[in-house]
Protein backbone atom coordinates (compact mmCIF):
# COMPACT_ATOMS: atom_id res chain seq x y z
CA MET A 1 -0.10 0.10 -0.03
CA LEU A 2 2.86 2.39 1.04
CA PHE A 3 4.67 1.61 -2.04
CA SER A 4 1.50 2.24 -4.25
CA GLN A 5 0.97 5.63 -2.55
CA TRP A 6 4.62 6.43 -3.07
CA LEU A 7 4.33 5.57 -6.73
CA HIS A 8 1.25 7.50 -7.42
CA CYS A 9 2.84 10.54 -5.87
CA LEU A 10 5.83 10.10 -7.80
CA THR A 11 4.02 9.63 -10.98
CA GLY A 12 1.70 12.82 -10.48
CA ARG A 13 4.76 14.92 -9.77
CA MET A 14 6.37 13.76 -12.86
CA SER A 15 3.28 14.14 -14.93
CA ALA A 16 2.79 17.78 -13.56
CA ALA A 17 6.36 18.54 -14.02
CA SER A 18 6.26 17.37 -17.80
CA HIS A 19 3.05 18.97 -18.36
CA ARG A 20 4.30 22.37 -16.92
CA ARG A 21 7.51 22.03 -19.26
CA PHE A 22 5.43 21.38 -22.43
CA ALA A 23 3.44 24.57 -21.91
CA GLY A 24 5.91 26.33 -19.84
CA ARG A 25 7.34 29.94 -19.90
CA ARG A 26 10.15 28.77 -22.30
CA GLY A 27 7.91 27.47 -25.03
CA SER A 28 9.95 24.39 -25.47
CA SER A 29 9.02 20.59 -25.26
CA ARG A 30 11.69 18.37 -23.67
CA ARG A 31 11.73 14.98 -22.10
CA LEU A 32 13.13 14.10 -18.70
CA SER A 33 16.72 12.49 -19.09
CA PRO A 34 17.18 8.89 -18.38
CA ALA A 35 19.63 9.92 -15.59
CA THR A 36 16.85 12.03 -14.03
CA TYR A 37 14.33 9.05 -14.00
CA PHE A 38 16.96 6.94 -12.33
CA ALA A 39 17.63 9.50 -9.64
CA GLY A 40 13.83 9.44 -8.85
CA TRP A 41 13.73 5.34 -8.43
CA SER A 42 16.72 5.26 -6.14
CA VAL A 43 15.31 6.83 -3.12
CA ALA A 44 13.40 4.84 -0.51
CA PRO A 45 9.55 4.62 -0.84
CA LYS A 46 8.30 6.85 1.87
CA ARG A 47 5.25 8.96 1.10
CA GLU A 48 6.82 12.26 2.56
CA ILE A 49 10.20 11.59 0.81
CA ALA A 50 8.73 10.51 -2.28
CA CYS A 51 6.83 13.60 -2.49
CA GLY A 52 9.93 15.60 -1.68
CA LEU A 53 11.62 13.69 -4.31
CA GLY A 54 9.00 14.60 -6.90
CA GLY A 55 9.81 18.26 -6.19
CA SER A 56 13.27 17.49 -6.71
CA ILE A 57 12.58 15.76 -9.99
CA GLU A 58 10.48 18.87 -11.07
CA ARG A 59 13.57 20.99 -10.47
CA PHE A 60 15.88 18.74 -12.19
CA GLU A 61 13.65 18.60 -15.03
CA ASP A 62 13.44 22.46 -15.03
CA ARG A 63 17.26 22.62 -15.38
CA ALA A 64 17.24 19.61 -18.10
CA LEU A 65 16.05 22.22 -20.53
CA LEU A 66 19.58 23.78 -21.58
CA VAL A 67 19.76 27.39 -22.49
CA THR A 68 22.14 28.36 -25.42
CA GLY A 69 22.90 32.15 -25.64
CA THR A 70 24.92 34.20 -28.23
CA PHE A 71 26.53 37.51 -27.62
CA ALA A 72 27.16 39.96 -30.33
CA PHE A 73 27.41 43.88 -30.73
CA SER A 74 24.30 45.46 -32.39
CA VAL A 75 24.53 46.01 -36.09
CA ALA A 76 23.70 49.86 -35.71
CA PRO A 77 26.85 52.04 -36.61
CA SER A 78 29.01 53.52 -33.76
CA SER A 79 30.13 57.05 -34.52
CA ALA A 80 30.23 60.18 -32.35
CA ALA A 81 31.35 63.83 -33.03
CA GLU A 82 33.90 65.13 -30.67
CA SER A 83 31.56 67.41 -29.06
CA THR A 84 29.57 64.24 -27.83
CA THR A 85 30.24 63.58 -24.32
CA THR A 86 29.50 59.84 -24.66
CA ARG A 87 28.92 57.05 -27.34
CA THR A 88 26.78 54.22 -26.24
CA VAL A 89 27.48 50.74 -27.51
CA ASN A 90 24.71 47.95 -27.40
CA VAL A 91 25.54 44.23 -26.67
CA GLN A 92 23.03 41.84 -27.57
CA LEU A 93 22.37 38.42 -26.02
CA THR A 94 20.02 35.94 -28.03
CA SER A 95 18.78 33.40 -25.90
CA SER A 96 16.94 30.00 -27.07
CA ALA A 97 15.06 30.36 -23.81
CA ALA A 98 14.69 32.04 -20.37
CA LEU A 99 17.39 31.69 -17.92
CA GLY A 100 16.65 29.39 -14.91
CA ALA A 101 16.37 31.15 -11.52
CA GLY A 102 19.45 32.55 -10.26
CA ASP A 103 21.28 31.76 -13.48
CA THR A 104 23.44 34.28 -15.47
CA MET A 105 25.24 34.82 -18.53
CA SER A 106 28.24 37.34 -18.78
CA VAL A 107 30.51 38.54 -21.38
CA GLU A 108 33.61 41.15 -21.30
CA VAL A 109 33.39 44.34 -23.53
CA ASN A 110 37.14 45.17 -23.58
CA LEU A 111 39.33 47.66 -25.46
CA GLY A 112 40.64 46.02 -28.61
CA GLY A 113 43.97 46.86 -30.48
CA GLY A 114 44.29 48.75 -33.66
CA GLY A 115 42.33 51.86 -33.07
CA THR A 116 43.70 55.15 -34.04
CA ALA A 117 42.30 57.45 -31.13
CA THR A 118 44.35 57.83 -27.83
CA GLY A 119 43.05 56.94 -24.51
CA GLY A 120 43.41 58.03 -21.10
CA GLY A 121 41.34 61.13 -21.45
CA VAL A 122 43.28 62.30 -24.51
CA ASP A 123 40.81 61.39 -27.16
CA PHE A 124 38.78 59.05 -25.06
CA THR A 125 38.15 57.31 -21.92
CA TYR A 126 36.98 53.44 -21.54
CA ALA A 127 37.56 50.77 -18.88
CA ASN A 128 36.86 47.22 -19.83
CA THR A 129 33.49 46.10 -18.65
CA THR A 130 31.79 42.95 -17.81
CA LEU A 131 28.03 42.85 -18.69
CA THR A 132 25.83 40.24 -16.98
CA PHE A 133 22.37 39.12 -17.99
CA THR A 134 20.31 37.52 -15.19
CA SER A 135 17.11 35.61 -15.32
CA ALA A 136 15.43 38.78 -14.68
CA ASP A 137 16.82 40.18 -17.86
CA VAL A 138 16.29 37.14 -20.06
CA THR A 139 12.85 36.06 -19.45
CA GLY A 140 12.22 34.04 -22.44
CA ALA A 141 13.52 32.95 -26.13
CA GLY A 142 14.55 36.31 -27.80
CA THR A 143 17.24 38.99 -27.99
CA PHE A 144 18.07 41.10 -24.99
CA THR A 145 20.54 44.38 -24.72
CA LYS A 146 22.81 45.83 -22.17
CA SER A 147 25.32 48.60 -23.13
CA VAL A 148 28.49 50.16 -22.46
CA ASP A 149 29.78 53.92 -22.77
CA VAL A 150 32.87 55.27 -24.32
CA THR A 151 33.56 58.81 -22.92
CA ILE A 152 34.72 61.22 -25.60
CA ALA A 153 37.20 64.07 -25.04
CA GLY A 154 36.30 67.06 -27.23
CA ASP A 155 39.74 68.52 -27.95
CA GLN A 156 40.61 71.29 -30.52
CA ARG A 157 43.14 69.34 -32.60
CA LEU A 158 42.59 69.25 -36.47
CA GLU A 159 43.45 65.45 -36.43
CA GLY A 160 40.68 63.74 -38.72
CA ASP A 161 38.55 61.11 -37.48
CA GLU A 162 39.80 58.61 -35.16
CA SER A 163 38.74 55.23 -33.88
CA VAL A 164 38.35 52.97 -30.65
CA ASN A 165 37.99 49.31 -31.17
CA LEU A 166 35.88 47.23 -28.66
CA ILE A 167 35.88 43.44 -28.55
CA LEU A 168 33.77 40.73 -26.80
CA ALA A 169 35.71 38.08 -24.78
CA ASN A 170 35.35 35.61 -22.12
CA GLN A 171 31.87 34.70 -22.17
CA THR A 172 30.60 32.61 -19.42
CA ALA A 173 27.37 30.73 -18.17
CA SER A 174 26.75 30.44 -14.38
CA ASN A 175 24.81 27.11 -15.03
CA GLY A 176 27.21 24.54 -16.25
CA GLY A 177 24.73 23.11 -18.44
CA ASP A 178 23.89 26.15 -20.27
CA THR A 179 26.15 27.38 -23.20
CA ALA A 180 27.32 30.93 -23.94
CA ASN A 181 28.84 31.75 -27.23
CA ILE A 182 30.35 34.86 -29.05
CA GLY A 183 28.63 35.63 -32.42
CA SER A 184 29.07 38.19 -35.08
CA PRO A 185 29.81 41.05 -34.84
CA SER A 186 32.28 40.56 -32.04
CA THR A 187 34.17 43.59 -32.78
CA ARG A 188 32.90 47.21 -32.71
CA ALA A 189 34.77 50.23 -34.04
CA VAL A 190 33.47 53.57 -32.38
CA VAL A 191 34.44 56.33 -34.74
CA ILE A 192 35.22 59.88 -33.33
CA THR A 193 34.43 62.44 -35.96
CA ASP A 194 36.70 65.34 -35.68
CA ASP A 195 34.75 68.56 -35.79
CA GLU A 196 37.71 71.01 -36.18
CA THR A 197 38.25 72.60 -39.77
CA GLY A 198 40.81 74.57 -41.48
CA VAL A 199 41.20 77.17 -44.16
CA ILE A 200 44.26 77.48 -46.47
CA ASN A 201 45.00 80.88 -48.05
CA PHE A 202 47.90 81.70 -50.41
CA LEU A 203 49.78 84.92 -48.73
CA ALA A 204 49.55 88.31 -50.23
CA ASP A 205 51.35 89.06 -53.41
CA ALA A 206 54.84 89.56 -53.01
CA ALA A 207 57.66 91.50 -54.92
CA ALA A 208 61.24 90.72 -55.11
CA ALA A 209 64.34 92.33 -56.97
CA GLU A 210 65.75 90.44 -59.72
CA SER A 211 68.94 89.92 -57.75
CA VAL A 212 66.68 88.12 -54.99
CA ASP A 213 64.81 84.90 -55.27
CA SER A 214 61.20 85.17 -54.62
CA THR A 215 59.64 82.80 -51.70
CA GLN A 216 55.97 81.94 -51.35
CA ASN A 217 53.94 80.13 -48.57
CA ALA A 218 50.50 79.81 -47.54
CA THR A 219 48.55 79.90 -44.12
CA LEU A 220 46.11 77.38 -42.59
CA ALA A 221 43.76 78.91 -40.40
CA ILE A 222 42.12 76.31 -37.65
CA THR A 223 38.89 76.78 -36.18
CA GLY A 224 38.58 74.81 -32.67
CA ILE A 225 35.78 73.45 -31.10
CA GLY A 226 36.03 72.17 -27.62
CA THR A 227 38.75 72.43 -25.18
CA GLY A 228 42.51 72.47 -24.92
CA THR A 229 45.25 73.83 -27.29
CA VAL A 230 44.25 74.41 -30.73
CA GLY A 231 46.64 72.94 -33.27
CA LEU A 232 47.27 70.61 -36.26
CA ASP A 233 48.06 66.82 -35.62
CA VAL A 234 48.29 65.67 -39.20
CA ALA A 235 50.87 67.08 -41.74
CA LEU A 236 49.29 68.16 -45.09
CA THR A 237 50.35 69.55 -48.46
CA VAL A 238 49.07 71.66 -51.30
CA ALA A 239 51.08 72.02 -54.69
CA ALA A 240 51.79 75.46 -56.10
CA THR A 241 52.12 75.86 -59.90
CA GLN A 242 52.93 78.64 -62.11
CA THR A 243 49.84 79.66 -64.25
CA GLY A 244 50.69 82.65 -66.23
CA GLY A 245 52.26 86.13 -65.78
CA THR A 246 54.30 88.81 -68.17
CA ALA A 247 57.68 87.09 -66.97
CA THR A 248 59.25 84.76 -69.21
CA SER A 249 59.91 81.01 -67.95
CA GLY A 250 63.43 80.12 -68.54
CA THR A 251 64.43 83.79 -69.30
CA ASP A 252 63.35 85.79 -66.26
CA TYR A 253 63.04 82.87 -63.97
CA ALA A 254 63.92 79.25 -63.79
CA ALA A 255 61.11 76.74 -64.69
CA TYR A 256 58.78 76.81 -61.72
CA GLY A 257 57.20 73.58 -62.29
CA SER A 258 54.97 72.32 -59.35
CA GLN A 259 56.25 72.88 -55.73
CA THR A 260 55.05 71.44 -52.41
CA LEU A 261 53.91 73.62 -49.58
CA THR A 262 54.15 71.55 -46.26
CA PHE A 263 51.97 72.52 -43.17
CA SER A 264 53.56 70.40 -40.38
CA THR A 265 52.08 69.46 -37.09
CA GLY A 266 52.03 72.04 -34.04
CA ASP A 267 50.11 74.26 -31.94
CA GLY A 268 48.54 77.56 -32.94
CA THR A 269 45.42 78.79 -34.83
CA THR A 270 47.43 79.75 -37.62
CA ILE A 271 50.09 77.41 -39.16
CA THR A 272 52.30 78.57 -41.80
CA SER A 273 53.58 76.50 -44.66
CA SER A 274 57.10 75.76 -45.89
CA ASN A 275 58.35 78.07 -48.63
CA ALA A 276 57.94 77.64 -52.46
CA THR A 277 60.91 79.38 -54.41
CA LEU A 278 60.60 81.21 -57.56
CA ASP A 279 64.41 81.36 -58.91
CA VAL A 280 64.68 84.91 -60.41
CA THR A 281 67.18 85.23 -63.21
CA SER A 282 69.14 88.60 -62.47
CA ASP A 283 69.64 89.86 -66.00
CA GLN A 284 70.76 93.15 -67.43
CA ARG A 285 67.77 93.91 -69.49
CA LEU A 286 65.98 97.16 -68.96
CA GLU A 287 62.56 95.82 -69.23
CA GLY A 288 60.21 96.98 -66.29
CA ASN A 289 58.54 94.88 -63.66
CA GLU A 290 57.39 91.64 -64.46
CA THR A 291 54.94 89.01 -62.90
CA VAL A 292 54.41 85.38 -62.37
CA ASN A 293 51.29 84.12 -61.47
CA LEU A 294 50.89 81.00 -59.26
CA SER A 295 47.94 78.93 -57.75
CA ILE A 296 47.70 76.38 -54.95
CA GLY A 297 45.72 73.33 -55.23
CA SER A 298 45.86 69.27 -54.77
CA LEU A 299 45.62 69.33 -51.07
CA SER A 300 47.06 66.06 -50.08
CA SER A 301 45.75 64.82 -46.51
CA SER A 302 43.26 62.71 -44.66
CA LEU A 303 41.84 66.04 -43.68
CA SER A 304 40.82 66.86 -47.06
CA GLY A 305 37.21 66.74 -45.90
CA GLN A 306 37.89 69.23 -43.27
CA VAL A 307 40.16 71.80 -45.02
CA THR A 308 39.29 73.93 -47.72
CA LEU A 309 41.09 76.04 -49.94
CA SER A 310 40.09 79.80 -50.19
CA ASP A 311 42.71 82.40 -51.66
CA THR A 312 44.35 79.99 -54.01
CA THR A 313 45.99 82.61 -56.29
CA HIS A 314 49.23 84.73 -55.80
CA THR A 315 51.10 87.09 -58.18
CA ALA A 316 54.87 87.13 -57.59
CA THR A 317 56.32 90.41 -59.13
CA ILE A 318 59.76 90.65 -60.38
CA THR A 319 61.18 94.10 -59.83
CA ASP A 320 63.34 95.25 -62.70
CA ASP A 321 66.49 96.57 -60.95
CA GLU A 322 68.30 98.20 -64.02
CA THR A 323 67.94 102.04 -64.58
CA GLY A 324 68.50 104.29 -67.46
CA VAL A 325 69.46 107.91 -67.93
CA ILE A 326 68.48 109.94 -71.00
CA ASN A 327 70.55 113.18 -72.10
CA PHE A 328 70.11 115.66 -74.93
CA LEU A 329 73.30 115.71 -76.81
CA ALA A 330 75.45 118.77 -76.78
CA ASP A 331 74.79 121.74 -78.95
CA ALA A 332 75.59 121.17 -82.51
CA ALA A 333 76.64 123.81 -85.14
CA ALA A 334 75.72 123.52 -88.85
CA ALA A 335 76.31 125.83 -91.99
CA GLU A 336 73.23 127.90 -93.03
CA SER A 337 72.89 125.60 -96.02
CA VAL A 338 72.84 122.27 -93.73
CA ASP A 339 69.75 121.54 -91.43
CA PRO A 340 71.06 120.97 -88.01
CA THR A 341 70.49 117.52 -86.17
CA GLN A 342 70.32 116.50 -82.52
CA GLY A 343 70.72 113.18 -80.88
CA ILE A 344 69.90 111.84 -77.66
CA ARG A 345 72.02 109.24 -76.00
CA ARG A 346 70.39 106.77 -73.36
CA SER A 347 72.80 104.98 -70.99
CA TRP A 348 71.80 102.42 -68.25
CA ARG A 349 73.46 100.37 -65.72
């Protein structure tokens, strides 16, 4: 009789547990494993123990539905202007079922290599973070989200866009029967969009004597947005070319060709380029001042989207250094039958 009561209680418990599992909160159909059945039959047949054992079987059956979870970054792009205080990056856990009571799944969101931005508060601040999803977060099959924040430093450096690389690593599941995986994408590049701009101008027209070579350069004016020292962190160049004028190439000056003006990195709201040189020929021709027209273009830099060319033309004037003196010739005498003539003598040096 006692055995029959124990068997009835045990069977009822198993049937109720099985029924709940088929219509349970996880929406899955699973059978008890053979090992679970064996554990149930191995206990001594007492009603109070058997009913308690039924509860144990129900709990074992609850954990027999193993959960598979996959971590990945969200597919949304991650970019932020320097003026943005933080950039939030979402991490998703896609789960096959709800986590059991007290169970968790975790993943580390770490700083990866290969980023061009400088950490430690220079361009950004970020500390490796572990995200933990609990049974309160994962309440069924589906996708669940947590996030980390990258703090952006709004400097005033003209430096171009930079990146911070994050990577998922060291995923864990607290329930040894559950499985945590890392899917795709497992890396995320946070792009810090530089918001400084620059304008390049050819300097004002210059004049040079024939005996002195003429130099030309340009200026880069930087507009900073943020805090800190304004400056240029990425070198850039422009090409200067001869485009016309009244002077003759090869005669009044050496062929100019195309010369490079380089803006080197440095601090300041205005950066001056290196010089291009107009090699003037010092001749002895009294010919007046002559001009060489120059222009700049072909900006070469990763900053081409942030830097514009404004005053791009320049006229270099070659100042003629020859002089001349005009004299009426001395008085002339002539017979009445001959018309007198006069001459003018010109000399120069």
